[in-house]
Amino acid sequence: MDQIKIGKFIAECRKKVNLTQMQLAEKLNITDRAISKWETGRAMPDSSIMLELCDILGISVNELLSGEKIIMENINERNEQLLLDMAKELEQKNKTVWKSMWVIMIISITALLAGILIAAFVIPEGVWQLIAILGICFVFLMPCFYALKLEISVGAYKCKNCGHEIVPTYTQALNAMHMGTTRYLKCPNCNKRSWCKKVLKK
């Protein structure tokens, strides 16, 4: 989706119905700053007010997301293109989150190992060395918990038995045995436990 194009389209439609940014904002119970952000392409209208916005501007949601008026003969073609664009955008976001998760994991584990080695060789043996190692483990394992949150936020885990795609809760994923991003989960479809491989597409 082209946010700049959509923003210009919102501004055009607002002017056609003779509303200022302030007046449109009052009708939607939001600030005129939010309207300004939409019209300059810095933000998109929230899905919760999209229908109301379209109703006020006299356009359809498809037209809003396309950033232009749609002729009836081209509506099916535009719908298909819009769905494809949204699918590509979601896939790109998933890939970005996935890469971020791996970067966090690699940096955290490398820092953890380096910290333990430094503590083992620099701090004399005893209670302080143990406290230092435990502290390093705590500090550098925290990002790993965040990386797990990123891992489960994209895609799903595919059941080895029936092929059902599982989206576990954070607790279920945390408590499951795992090898990399493959986790030992119970499938809600076949009620069997298996090593479920991560797939990016739900």
N, C-alpha and C. Protein backbone atom coordinates (compact mmCIF):
# COMPACT_ATOMS: atom_id res chain seq x y z
N MET A 1 0.84 -1.20 0.00
CA MET A 1 0.00 0.00 0.00
C MET A 1 0.87 1.24 0.00
N ASP A 2 0.47 2.20 -0.82
CA ASP A 2 1.21 3.46 -0.94
C ASP A 2 0.58 4.49 0.00
N GLN A 3 1.21 4.71 1.16
CA GLN A 3 0.64 5.60 2.18
C GLN A 3 0.57 7.05 1.71
N ILE A 4 1.55 7.47 0.90
CA ILE A 4 1.54 8.85 0.37
C ILE A 4 0.32 9.05 -0.53
N LYS A 5 0.08 8.07 -1.42
CA LYS A 5 -1.05 8.13 -2.34
C LYS A 5 -2.37 8.13 -1.58
N ILE A 6 -2.46 7.25 -0.57
CA ILE A 6 -3.68 7.16 0.26
C ILE A 6 -3.91 8.48 1.00
N GLY A 7 -2.83 9.07 1.52
CA GLY A 7 -2.93 10.34 2.24
C GLY A 7 -3.46 11.46 1.36
N LYS A 8 -2.94 11.54 0.14
CA LYS A 8 -3.40 12.57 -0.81
C LYS A 8 -4.88 12.36 -1.16
N PHE A 9 -5.26 11.07 -1.29
CA PHE A 9 -6.64 10.73 -1.62
C PHE A 9 -7.58 11.14 -0.49
N ILE A 10 -7.18 10.90 0.77
CA ILE A 10 -7.98 11.30 1.94
C ILE A 10 -8.17 12.82 1.93
N ALA A 11 -7.08 13.56 1.67
CA ALA A 11 -7.14 15.02 1.64
C ALA A 11 -8.10 15.51 0.56
N GLU A 12 -8.03 14.90 -0.63
CA GLU A 12 -8.91 15.27 -1.75
C GLU A 12 -10.38 15.03 -1.38
N CYS A 13 -10.65 13.84 -0.83
CA CYS A 13 -12.03 13.48 -0.47
C CYS A 13 -12.57 14.38 0.64
N ARG A 14 -11.71 14.72 1.59
CA ARG A 14 -12.11 15.61 2.70
C ARG A 14 -12.53 16.98 2.15
N LYS A 15 -11.71 17.49 1.22
CA LYS A 15 -12.02 18.80 0.63
C LYS A 15 -13.30 18.76 -0.21
N LYS A 16 -13.55 17.63 -0.87
CA LYS A 16 -14.76 17.48 -1.70
C LYS A 16 -16.03 17.55 -0.87
N VAL A 17 -15.94 17.06 0.39
CA VAL A 17 -17.13 17.10 1.26
C VAL A 17 -17.11 18.35 2.16
N ASN A 18 -16.21 19.30 1.81
CA ASN A 18 -16.12 20.60 2.51
C ASN A 18 -15.89 20.47 4.02
N LEU A 19 -14.91 19.68 4.38
CA LEU A 19 -14.55 19.54 5.79
C LEU A 19 -13.10 19.96 5.98
N THR A 20 -12.84 20.65 7.10
CA THR A 20 -11.46 20.96 7.47
C THR A 20 -10.91 19.75 8.22
N GLN A 21 -9.61 19.74 8.43
CA GLN A 21 -9.02 18.64 9.22
C GLN A 21 -9.62 18.59 10.61
N MET A 22 -9.84 19.77 11.20
CA MET A 22 -10.43 19.85 12.54
C MET A 22 -11.84 19.29 12.56
N GLN A 23 -12.65 19.63 11.57
CA GLN A 23 -14.04 19.16 11.51
C GLN A 23 -14.10 17.63 11.34
N LEU A 24 -13.24 17.12 10.47
CA LEU A 24 -13.19 15.66 10.26
C LEU A 24 -12.75 14.97 11.54
N ALA A 25 -11.76 15.55 12.21
CA ALA A 25 -11.26 14.98 13.47
C ALA A 25 -12.36 14.93 14.53
N GLU A 26 -13.18 16.00 14.62
CA GLU A 26 -14.27 16.06 15.60
C GLU A 26 -15.31 14.97 15.32
N LYS A 27 -15.60 14.75 14.04
CA LYS A 27 -16.58 13.71 13.68
C LYS A 27 -16.09 12.31 14.06
N LEU A 28 -14.77 12.12 14.01
CA LEU A 28 -14.18 10.81 14.31
C LEU A 28 -13.70 10.69 15.76
N ASN A 29 -13.86 11.78 16.53
CA ASN A 29 -13.41 11.83 17.94
C ASN A 29 -11.91 11.55 18.08
N ILE A 30 -11.14 12.16 17.18
CA ILE A 30 -9.69 12.06 17.25
C ILE A 30 -9.11 13.47 17.11
N THR A 31 -7.78 13.59 17.12
CA THR A 31 -7.16 14.91 16.99
C THR A 31 -6.91 15.25 15.52
N ASP A 32 -6.85 16.56 15.23
CA ASP A 32 -6.55 16.97 13.85
C ASP A 32 -5.12 16.62 13.46
N ARG A 33 -4.27 16.41 14.47
CA ARG A 33 -2.89 15.98 14.21
C ARG A 33 -2.88 14.59 13.54
N ALA A 34 -3.80 13.71 13.98
CA ALA A 34 -3.91 12.37 13.38
C ALA A 34 -4.30 12.47 11.91
N ILE A 35 -5.24 13.38 11.59
CA ILE A 35 -5.67 13.60 10.20
C ILE A 35 -4.49 14.08 9.37
N SER A 36 -3.72 15.00 9.93
CA SER A 36 -2.55 15.55 9.25
C SER A 36 -1.54 14.45 8.93
N LYS A 37 -1.35 13.53 9.88
CA LYS A 37 -0.42 12.41 9.66
C LYS A 37 -0.89 11.51 8.53
N TRP A 38 -2.22 11.25 8.47
CA TRP A 38 -2.75 10.42 7.38
C TRP A 38 -2.48 11.10 6.04
N GLU A 39 -2.81 12.39 5.97
CA GLU A 39 -2.77 13.11 4.70
C GLU A 39 -1.34 13.35 4.19
N THR A 40 -0.37 13.27 5.08
CA THR A 40 1.03 13.42 4.65
C THR A 40 1.70 12.05 4.48
N GLY A 41 0.93 10.98 4.68
CA GLY A 41 1.45 9.64 4.47
C GLY A 41 2.34 9.11 5.57
N ARG A 42 2.29 9.76 6.75
CA ARG A 42 3.12 9.32 7.88
C ARG A 42 2.44 8.26 8.73
N ALA A 43 1.14 8.08 8.54
CA ALA A 43 0.38 7.08 9.30
C ALA A 43 -0.86 6.69 8.51
N MET A 44 -1.48 5.59 8.95
CA MET A 44 -2.70 5.10 8.31
C MET A 44 -3.85 5.17 9.32
N PRO A 45 -5.08 5.37 8.85
CA PRO A 45 -6.23 5.35 9.78
C PRO A 45 -6.33 3.99 10.48
N ASP A 46 -6.69 4.02 11.74
CA ASP A 46 -6.87 2.77 12.49
C ASP A 46 -8.07 2.01 11.93
N SER A 47 -7.96 0.68 11.92
CA SER A 47 -9.04 -0.15 11.34
C SER A 47 -10.37 0.05 12.05
N SER A 48 -10.33 0.45 13.32
CA SER A 48 -11.57 0.63 14.09
C SER A 48 -12.41 1.82 13.61
N ILE A 49 -11.77 2.79 12.93
CA ILE A 49 -12.52 3.97 12.45
C ILE A 49 -12.57 4.06 10.93
N MET A 50 -12.02 3.05 10.25
CA MET A 50 -11.96 3.08 8.79
C MET A 50 -13.34 3.17 8.14
N LEU A 51 -14.28 2.36 8.64
CA LEU A 51 -15.63 2.36 8.05
C LEU A 51 -16.32 3.71 8.22
N GLU A 52 -16.17 4.27 9.43
CA GLU A 52 -16.78 5.57 9.72
C GLU A 52 -16.15 6.66 8.85
N LEU A 53 -14.83 6.62 8.70
CA LEU A 53 -14.12 7.58 7.85
C LEU A 53 -14.61 7.49 6.41
N CYS A 54 -14.72 6.25 5.89
CA CYS A 54 -15.18 6.05 4.51
C CYS A 54 -16.61 6.56 4.33
N ASP A 55 -17.44 6.34 5.35
CA ASP A 55 -18.83 6.81 5.29
C ASP A 55 -18.89 8.34 5.20
N ILE A 56 -18.06 9.01 6.00
CA ILE A 56 -18.02 10.48 6.01
C ILE A 56 -17.51 11.02 4.67
N LEU A 57 -16.49 10.35 4.11
CA LEU A 57 -15.88 10.82 2.87
C LEU A 57 -16.62 10.34 1.62
N GLY A 58 -17.58 9.42 1.81
CA GLY A 58 -18.36 8.91 0.68
C GLY A 58 -17.57 8.02 -0.25
N ILE A 59 -16.69 7.20 0.35
CA ILE A 59 -15.89 6.26 -0.44
C ILE A 59 -15.97 4.88 0.19
N SER A 60 -15.49 3.86 -0.53
CA SER A 60 -15.47 2.50 0.01
C SER A 60 -14.10 2.24 0.65
N VAL A 61 -14.03 1.18 1.47
CA VAL A 61 -12.75 0.81 2.09
C VAL A 61 -11.73 0.44 1.02
N ASN A 62 -12.20 -0.24 -0.03
CA ASN A 62 -11.31 -0.60 -1.14
C ASN A 62 -10.69 0.64 -1.78
N GLU A 63 -11.51 1.66 -1.97
CA GLU A 63 -11.02 2.91 -2.56
C GLU A 63 -10.03 3.60 -1.63
N LEU A 64 -10.34 3.57 -0.33
CA LEU A 64 -9.43 4.17 0.66
C LEU A 64 -8.06 3.50 0.60
N LEU A 65 -8.05 2.15 0.63
CA LEU A 65 -6.79 1.41 0.63
C LEU A 65 -6.07 1.45 -0.71
N SER A 66 -6.82 1.71 -1.78
CA SER A 66 -6.21 1.85 -3.11
C SER A 66 -5.69 3.26 -3.34
N GLY A 67 -6.28 4.22 -2.62
CA GLY A 67 -5.88 5.61 -2.78
C GLY A 67 -6.43 6.25 -4.04
N GLU A 68 -7.56 5.71 -4.53
CA GLU A 68 -8.18 6.26 -5.74
C GLU A 68 -9.61 5.74 -5.88
N LYS A 69 -10.40 6.45 -6.67
CA LYS A 69 -11.76 6.00 -6.98
C LYS A 69 -11.68 4.79 -7.90
N ILE A 70 -12.53 3.79 -7.64
CA ILE A 70 -12.50 2.57 -8.44
C ILE A 70 -13.73 2.49 -9.33
N ILE A 71 -13.49 2.29 -10.65
CA ILE A 71 -14.59 2.11 -11.60
C ILE A 71 -15.13 0.70 -11.43
N MET A 72 -16.42 0.53 -11.47
CA MET A 72 -17.08 -0.75 -11.19
C MET A 72 -16.52 -1.91 -12.02
N GLU A 73 -16.17 -1.65 -13.31
CA GLU A 73 -15.66 -2.74 -14.15
C GLU A 73 -14.32 -3.27 -13.65
N ASN A 74 -13.57 -2.40 -12.96
CA ASN A 74 -12.22 -2.79 -12.52
C ASN A 74 -12.18 -3.25 -11.06
N ILE A 75 -13.35 -3.34 -10.42
CA ILE A 75 -13.36 -3.58 -8.96
C ILE A 75 -12.76 -4.93 -8.57
N ASN A 76 -13.09 -6.00 -9.32
CA ASN A 76 -12.55 -7.32 -8.98
C ASN A 76 -11.04 -7.37 -9.15
N GLU A 77 -10.57 -6.76 -10.23
CA GLU A 77 -9.13 -6.70 -10.48
C GLU A 77 -8.42 -5.93 -9.38
N ARG A 78 -8.99 -4.80 -8.98
CA ARG A 78 -8.41 -3.98 -7.92
C ARG A 78 -8.41 -4.72 -6.58
N ASN A 79 -9.51 -5.45 -6.29
CA ASN A 79 -9.59 -6.23 -5.05
C ASN A 79 -8.49 -7.28 -4.98
N GLU A 80 -8.30 -7.98 -6.10
CA GLU A 80 -7.26 -9.01 -6.15
C GLU A 80 -5.88 -8.41 -5.94
N GLN A 81 -5.63 -7.28 -6.61
CA GLN A 81 -4.33 -6.61 -6.48
C GLN A 81 -4.10 -6.11 -5.06
N LEU A 82 -5.16 -5.59 -4.43
CA LEU A 82 -5.09 -5.10 -3.06
C LEU A 82 -4.75 -6.23 -2.09
N LEU A 83 -5.41 -7.38 -2.28
CA LEU A 83 -5.14 -8.55 -1.43
C LEU A 83 -3.71 -9.04 -1.60
N LEU A 84 -3.24 -9.03 -2.87
CA LEU A 84 -1.86 -9.45 -3.14
C LEU A 84 -0.86 -8.50 -2.48
N ASP A 85 -1.12 -7.21 -2.58
CA ASP A 85 -0.24 -6.21 -1.97
C ASP A 85 -0.19 -6.37 -0.46
N MET A 86 -1.36 -6.61 0.16
CA MET A 86 -1.42 -6.77 1.61
C MET A 86 -0.69 -8.04 2.05
N ALA A 87 -0.83 -9.12 1.25
CA ALA A 87 -0.15 -10.38 1.56
C ALA A 87 1.37 -10.20 1.47
N LYS A 88 1.83 -9.47 0.44
CA LYS A 88 3.27 -9.22 0.29
C LYS A 88 3.80 -8.38 1.43
N GLU A 89 3.02 -7.37 1.84
CA GLU A 89 3.43 -6.50 2.94
C GLU A 89 3.55 -7.28 4.24
N LEU A 90 2.57 -8.17 4.49
CA LEU A 90 2.61 -9.00 5.70
C LEU A 90 3.80 -9.95 5.67
N GLU A 91 4.05 -10.54 4.50
CA GLU A 91 5.18 -11.46 4.36
C GLU A 91 6.51 -10.74 4.61
N GLN A 92 6.63 -9.52 4.11
CA GLN A 92 7.84 -8.73 4.31
C GLN A 92 8.04 -8.39 5.78
N LYS A 93 6.94 -8.02 6.46
CA LYS A 93 7.01 -7.72 7.89
C LYS A 93 7.43 -8.95 8.69
N ASN A 94 6.87 -10.11 8.32
CA ASN A 94 7.22 -11.37 8.99
C ASN A 94 8.70 -11.68 8.83
N LYS A 95 9.22 -11.46 7.62
CA LYS A 95 10.64 -11.73 7.36
C LYS A 95 11.52 -10.79 8.18
N THR A 96 11.11 -9.53 8.31
CA THR A 96 11.87 -8.55 9.09
C THR A 96 11.91 -8.94 10.56
N VAL A 97 10.74 -9.35 11.10
CA VAL A 97 10.65 -9.79 12.50
C VAL A 97 11.51 -11.03 12.71
N TRP A 98 11.46 -11.95 11.74
CA TRP A 98 12.22 -13.21 11.82
C TRP A 98 13.72 -12.93 11.87
N LYS A 99 14.19 -12.02 11.00
CA LYS A 99 15.61 -11.66 10.99
C LYS A 99 16.02 -11.01 12.30
N SER A 100 15.14 -10.13 12.82
CA SER A 100 15.42 -9.44 14.09
C SER A 100 15.57 -10.45 15.22
N MET A 101 14.70 -11.47 15.21
CA MET A 101 14.76 -12.51 16.24
C MET A 101 16.11 -13.22 16.23
N TRP A 102 16.59 -13.59 15.05
CA TRP A 102 17.87 -14.28 14.94
C TRP A 102 19.04 -13.38 15.33
N VAL A 103 18.99 -12.11 14.97
CA VAL A 103 20.05 -11.17 15.34
C VAL A 103 20.13 -11.05 16.86
N ILE A 104 18.96 -10.90 17.52
CA ILE A 104 18.92 -10.79 18.99
C ILE A 104 19.49 -12.05 19.62
N MET A 105 19.09 -13.22 19.11
CA MET A 105 19.55 -14.50 19.68
C MET A 105 21.07 -14.64 19.55
N ILE A 106 21.60 -14.37 18.36
CA ILE A 106 23.04 -14.55 18.11
C ILE A 106 23.87 -13.59 18.98
N ILE A 107 23.44 -12.31 19.02
CA ILE A 107 24.18 -11.32 19.82
C ILE A 107 24.13 -11.68 21.31
N SER A 108 22.94 -12.08 21.79
CA SER A 108 22.77 -12.40 23.22
C SER A 108 23.62 -13.60 23.63
N ILE A 109 23.59 -14.66 22.82
CA ILE A 109 24.34 -15.87 23.16
C ILE A 109 25.84 -15.62 23.09
N THR A 110 26.28 -14.84 22.07
CA THR A 110 27.71 -14.50 21.95
C THR A 110 28.16 -13.69 23.16
N ALA A 111 27.36 -12.68 23.53
CA ALA A 111 27.69 -11.84 24.69
C ALA A 111 27.69 -12.66 25.98
N LEU A 112 26.74 -13.59 26.09
CA LEU A 112 26.65 -14.45 27.27
C LEU A 112 27.92 -15.29 27.43
N LEU A 113 28.32 -15.95 26.35
CA LEU A 113 29.52 -16.80 26.41
C LEU A 113 30.78 -15.98 26.70
N ALA A 114 30.87 -14.80 26.05
CA ALA A 114 32.03 -13.92 26.29
C ALA A 114 32.07 -13.46 27.74
N GLY A 115 30.89 -13.09 28.27
CA GLY A 115 30.80 -12.63 29.66
C GLY A 115 31.20 -13.71 30.65
N ILE A 116 30.77 -14.95 30.41
CA ILE A 116 31.10 -16.07 31.31
C ILE A 116 32.61 -16.34 31.27
N LEU A 117 33.19 -16.32 30.07
CA LEU A 117 34.63 -16.56 29.94
C LEU A 117 35.44 -15.47 30.65
N ILE A 118 35.01 -14.22 30.49
CA ILE A 118 35.72 -13.10 31.16
C ILE A 118 35.62 -13.25 32.68
N ALA A 119 34.41 -13.56 33.15
CA ALA A 119 34.21 -13.73 34.60
C ALA A 119 35.03 -14.89 35.14
N ALA A 120 35.12 -15.97 34.36
CA ALA A 120 35.85 -17.16 34.81
C ALA A 120 37.35 -16.91 34.91
N PHE A 121 37.90 -16.07 34.01
CA PHE A 121 39.36 -15.86 33.99
C PHE A 121 39.81 -14.59 34.72
N VAL A 122 38.93 -13.60 34.82
CA VAL A 122 39.33 -12.32 35.44
C VAL A 122 39.02 -12.29 36.93
N ILE A 123 37.83 -12.78 37.32
CA ILE A 123 37.44 -12.74 38.74
C ILE A 123 37.98 -13.98 39.45
N PRO A 124 38.61 -13.81 40.60
CA PRO A 124 39.14 -14.96 41.34
C PRO A 124 38.01 -15.92 41.74
N GLU A 125 38.35 -17.19 41.83
CA GLU A 125 37.35 -18.20 42.20
C GLU A 125 36.76 -17.89 43.56
N GLY A 126 35.46 -18.15 43.69
CA GLY A 126 34.79 -17.90 44.95
C GLY A 126 33.36 -17.41 44.73
N VAL A 127 32.80 -16.85 45.78
CA VAL A 127 31.41 -16.40 45.76
C VAL A 127 31.18 -15.31 44.71
N TRP A 128 32.12 -14.34 44.63
CA TRP A 128 31.94 -13.21 43.70
C TRP A 128 31.96 -13.65 42.25
N GLN A 129 32.77 -14.66 41.97
CA GLN A 129 32.81 -15.19 40.60
C GLN A 129 31.46 -15.82 40.24
N LEU A 130 30.91 -16.58 41.20
CA LEU A 130 29.62 -17.23 40.99
C LEU A 130 28.51 -16.19 40.80
N ILE A 131 28.52 -15.14 41.65
CA ILE A 131 27.52 -14.07 41.55
C ILE A 131 27.64 -13.37 40.19
N ALA A 132 28.88 -13.11 39.76
CA ALA A 132 29.11 -12.44 38.48
C ALA A 132 28.58 -13.29 37.32
N ILE A 133 28.85 -14.59 37.34
CA ILE A 133 28.39 -15.48 36.26
C ILE A 133 26.87 -15.56 36.24
N LEU A 134 26.25 -15.66 37.42
CA LEU A 134 24.77 -15.71 37.49
C LEU A 134 24.16 -14.40 36.98
N GLY A 135 24.80 -13.27 37.37
CA GLY A 135 24.32 -11.96 36.92
C GLY A 135 24.41 -11.82 35.41
N ILE A 136 25.54 -12.27 34.85
CA ILE A 136 25.73 -12.22 33.39
C ILE A 136 24.69 -13.08 32.69
N CYS A 137 24.44 -14.27 33.23
CA CYS A 137 23.42 -15.17 32.64
C CYS A 137 22.04 -14.50 32.64
N PHE A 138 21.71 -13.86 33.74
CA PHE A 138 20.39 -13.21 33.86
C PHE A 138 20.26 -12.06 32.85
N VAL A 139 21.29 -11.20 32.79
CA VAL A 139 21.24 -10.03 31.91
C VAL A 139 21.18 -10.42 30.45
N PHE A 140 22.00 -11.39 30.04
CA PHE A 140 22.08 -11.72 28.62
C PHE A 140 21.05 -12.75 28.16
N LEU A 141 20.36 -13.39 29.11
CA LEU A 141 19.29 -14.31 28.70
C LEU A 141 17.95 -13.59 28.54
N MET A 142 17.83 -12.39 29.14
CA MET A 142 16.58 -11.63 29.02
C MET A 142 16.20 -11.36 27.56
N PRO A 143 17.14 -10.92 26.71
CA PRO A 143 16.77 -10.70 25.30
C PRO A 143 16.29 -11.97 24.60
N CYS A 144 16.74 -13.13 25.08
CA CYS A 144 16.31 -14.40 24.48
C CYS A 144 14.81 -14.61 24.69
N PHE A 145 14.28 -14.17 25.82
CA PHE A 145 12.84 -14.28 26.08
C PHE A 145 12.06 -13.38 25.12
N TYR A 146 12.65 -12.21 24.83
CA TYR A 146 12.01 -11.30 23.88
C TYR A 146 12.07 -11.89 22.47
N ALA A 147 13.20 -12.54 22.15
CA ALA A 147 13.36 -13.18 20.84
C ALA A 147 12.32 -14.28 20.65
N LEU A 148 11.99 -15.00 21.72
CA LEU A 148 10.95 -16.04 21.64
C LEU A 148 9.60 -15.40 21.33
N LYS A 149 9.35 -14.25 21.94
CA LYS A 149 8.09 -13.53 21.68
C LYS A 149 7.99 -13.17 20.20
N LEU A 150 9.11 -12.73 19.62
CA LEU A 150 9.14 -12.41 18.19
C LEU A 150 8.92 -13.67 17.35
N GLU A 151 9.54 -14.77 17.80
CA GLU A 151 9.42 -16.04 17.06
C GLU A 151 7.97 -16.49 16.94
N ILE A 152 7.21 -16.42 18.04
CA ILE A 152 5.83 -16.91 18.00
C ILE A 152 4.86 -15.88 17.40
N SER A 153 5.35 -14.64 17.20
CA SER A 153 4.46 -13.60 16.65
C SER A 153 4.29 -13.71 15.14
N VAL A 154 5.16 -14.48 14.49
CA VAL A 154 5.05 -14.66 13.04
C VAL A 154 4.86 -16.13 12.69
N GLY A 155 4.04 -16.38 11.67
CA GLY A 155 3.85 -17.74 11.19
C GLY A 155 3.22 -18.67 12.20
N ALA A 156 3.55 -19.95 12.08
CA ALA A 156 2.97 -20.97 12.95
C ALA A 156 3.92 -22.17 13.00
N TYR A 157 3.57 -23.16 13.81
CA TYR A 157 4.34 -24.40 13.89
C TYR A 157 3.50 -25.51 13.26
N LYS A 158 4.08 -26.23 12.31
CA LYS A 158 3.32 -27.25 11.56
C LYS A 158 3.42 -28.61 12.24
N CYS A 159 2.24 -29.18 12.56
CA CYS A 159 2.18 -30.51 13.21
C CYS A 159 2.72 -31.56 12.25
N LYS A 160 3.62 -32.40 12.75
CA LYS A 160 4.23 -33.45 11.92
C LYS A 160 3.23 -34.55 11.59
N ASN A 161 2.22 -34.74 12.46
CA ASN A 161 1.25 -35.83 12.27
C ASN A 161 0.15 -35.49 11.26
N CYS A 162 -0.51 -34.33 11.45
CA CYS A 162 -1.68 -34.03 10.62
C CYS A 162 -1.50 -32.79 9.73
N GLY A 163 -0.39 -32.07 9.91
CA GLY A 163 -0.15 -30.88 9.08
C GLY A 163 -0.85 -29.63 9.56
N HIS A 164 -1.59 -29.73 10.68
CA HIS A 164 -2.29 -28.56 11.23
C HIS A 164 -1.27 -27.52 11.68
N GLU A 165 -1.57 -26.24 11.46
CA GLU A 165 -0.65 -25.16 11.85
C GLU A 165 -1.04 -24.62 13.23
N ILE A 166 -0.11 -24.74 14.16
CA ILE A 166 -0.35 -24.39 15.57
C ILE A 166 0.24 -23.02 15.88
N VAL A 167 -0.54 -22.19 16.56
CA VAL A 167 -0.03 -20.91 17.07
C VAL A 167 -0.13 -20.99 18.60
N PRO A 168 0.97 -21.40 19.26
CA PRO A 168 0.93 -21.57 20.72
C PRO A 168 0.96 -20.25 21.47
N THR A 169 0.60 -20.31 22.74
CA THR A 169 0.74 -19.14 23.59
C THR A 169 2.23 -19.00 23.93
N TYR A 170 2.61 -17.87 24.49
CA TYR A 170 4.01 -17.66 24.88
C TYR A 170 4.44 -18.71 25.89
N THR A 171 3.58 -19.00 26.87
CA THR A 171 3.91 -19.98 27.92
C THR A 171 4.09 -21.37 27.33
N GLN A 172 3.21 -21.76 26.40
CA GLN A 172 3.32 -23.08 25.77
C GLN A 172 4.64 -23.21 25.01
N ALA A 173 5.00 -22.16 24.28
CA ALA A 173 6.24 -22.19 23.50
C ALA A 173 7.46 -22.20 24.43
N LEU A 174 7.39 -21.42 25.51
CA LEU A 174 8.51 -21.34 26.46
C LEU A 174 8.75 -22.68 27.15
N ASN A 175 7.66 -23.38 27.50
CA ASN A 175 7.78 -24.65 28.23
C ASN A 175 8.06 -25.85 27.33
N ALA A 176 7.93 -25.67 26.01
CA ALA A 176 8.13 -26.78 25.09
C ALA A 176 9.62 -27.03 24.83
N MET A 177 9.98 -28.32 24.75
CA MET A 177 11.35 -28.65 24.35
C MET A 177 11.54 -28.16 22.92
N HIS A 178 12.77 -27.77 22.59
CA HIS A 178 12.97 -27.27 21.23
C HIS A 178 14.36 -27.54 20.71
N MET A 179 14.46 -27.61 19.40
CA MET A 179 15.75 -27.69 18.69
C MET A 179 15.71 -26.56 17.67
N GLY A 180 16.39 -25.44 17.98
CA GLY A 180 16.29 -24.26 17.14
C GLY A 180 14.88 -23.71 17.20
N THR A 181 14.22 -23.60 16.05
CA THR A 181 12.84 -23.10 16.02
C THR A 181 11.82 -24.22 15.83
N THR A 182 12.26 -25.46 16.00
CA THR A 182 11.34 -26.60 15.96
C THR A 182 10.99 -26.96 17.41
N ARG A 183 9.70 -26.98 17.73
CA ARG A 183 9.28 -27.19 19.11
C ARG A 183 8.38 -28.41 19.26
N TYR A 184 8.51 -29.06 20.43
CA TYR A 184 7.73 -30.26 20.73
C TYR A 184 6.40 -29.81 21.34
N LEU A 185 5.35 -29.78 20.50
CA LEU A 185 4.06 -29.22 20.91
C LEU A 185 2.93 -30.23 20.75
N LYS A 186 1.86 -30.00 21.52
CA LYS A 186 0.64 -30.82 21.39
C LYS A 186 -0.28 -30.14 20.38
N CYS A 187 -0.71 -30.89 19.37
CA CYS A 187 -1.57 -30.35 18.33
C CYS A 187 -3.03 -30.35 18.81
N PRO A 188 -3.73 -29.22 18.74
CA PRO A 188 -5.14 -29.17 19.15
C PRO A 188 -6.07 -29.90 18.18
N ASN A 189 -5.55 -30.21 16.99
CA ASN A 189 -6.36 -30.88 15.97
C ASN A 189 -6.35 -32.40 16.12
N CYS A 190 -5.15 -32.99 16.26
CA CYS A 190 -5.06 -34.46 16.38
C CYS A 190 -4.75 -34.92 17.80
N ASN A 191 -4.52 -33.96 18.72
CA ASN A 191 -4.23 -34.23 20.14
C ASN A 191 -2.97 -35.07 20.36
N LYS A 192 -2.04 -35.00 19.42
CA LYS A 192 -0.77 -35.74 19.55
C LYS A 192 0.37 -34.75 19.67
N ARG A 193 1.42 -35.18 20.40
CA ARG A 193 2.61 -34.35 20.52
C ARG A 193 3.62 -34.76 19.45
N SER A 194 4.26 -33.76 18.85
CA SER A 194 5.28 -34.05 17.86
C SER A 194 6.21 -32.85 17.73
N TRP A 195 7.32 -33.07 17.01
CA TRP A 195 8.26 -31.97 16.75
C TRP A 195 7.68 -31.14 15.62
N CYS A 196 7.22 -29.94 15.96
CA CYS A 196 6.53 -29.08 15.00
C CYS A 196 7.50 -28.03 14.44
N LYS A 197 7.64 -28.07 13.13
CA LYS A 197 8.57 -27.15 12.46
C LYS A 197 7.92 -25.79 12.26
N LYS A 198 8.73 -24.74 12.41
CA LYS A 198 8.23 -23.37 12.22
C LYS A 198 8.04 -23.08 10.73
N VAL A 199 6.86 -22.55 10.41
CA VAL A 199 6.60 -22.07 9.05
C VAL A 199 6.19 -20.61 9.15
N LEU A 200 6.70 -19.77 8.26
CA LEU A 200 6.44 -18.33 8.36
C LEU A 200 5.03 -17.95 7.95
N LYS A 201 4.43 -18.70 7.04
CA LYS A 201 3.09 -18.37 6.60
C LYS A 201 2.08 -19.13 7.43
N LYS A 202 1.08 -18.39 8.02
CA LYS A 202 0.04 -19.04 8.79
C LYS A 202 -0.95 -19.70 7.85
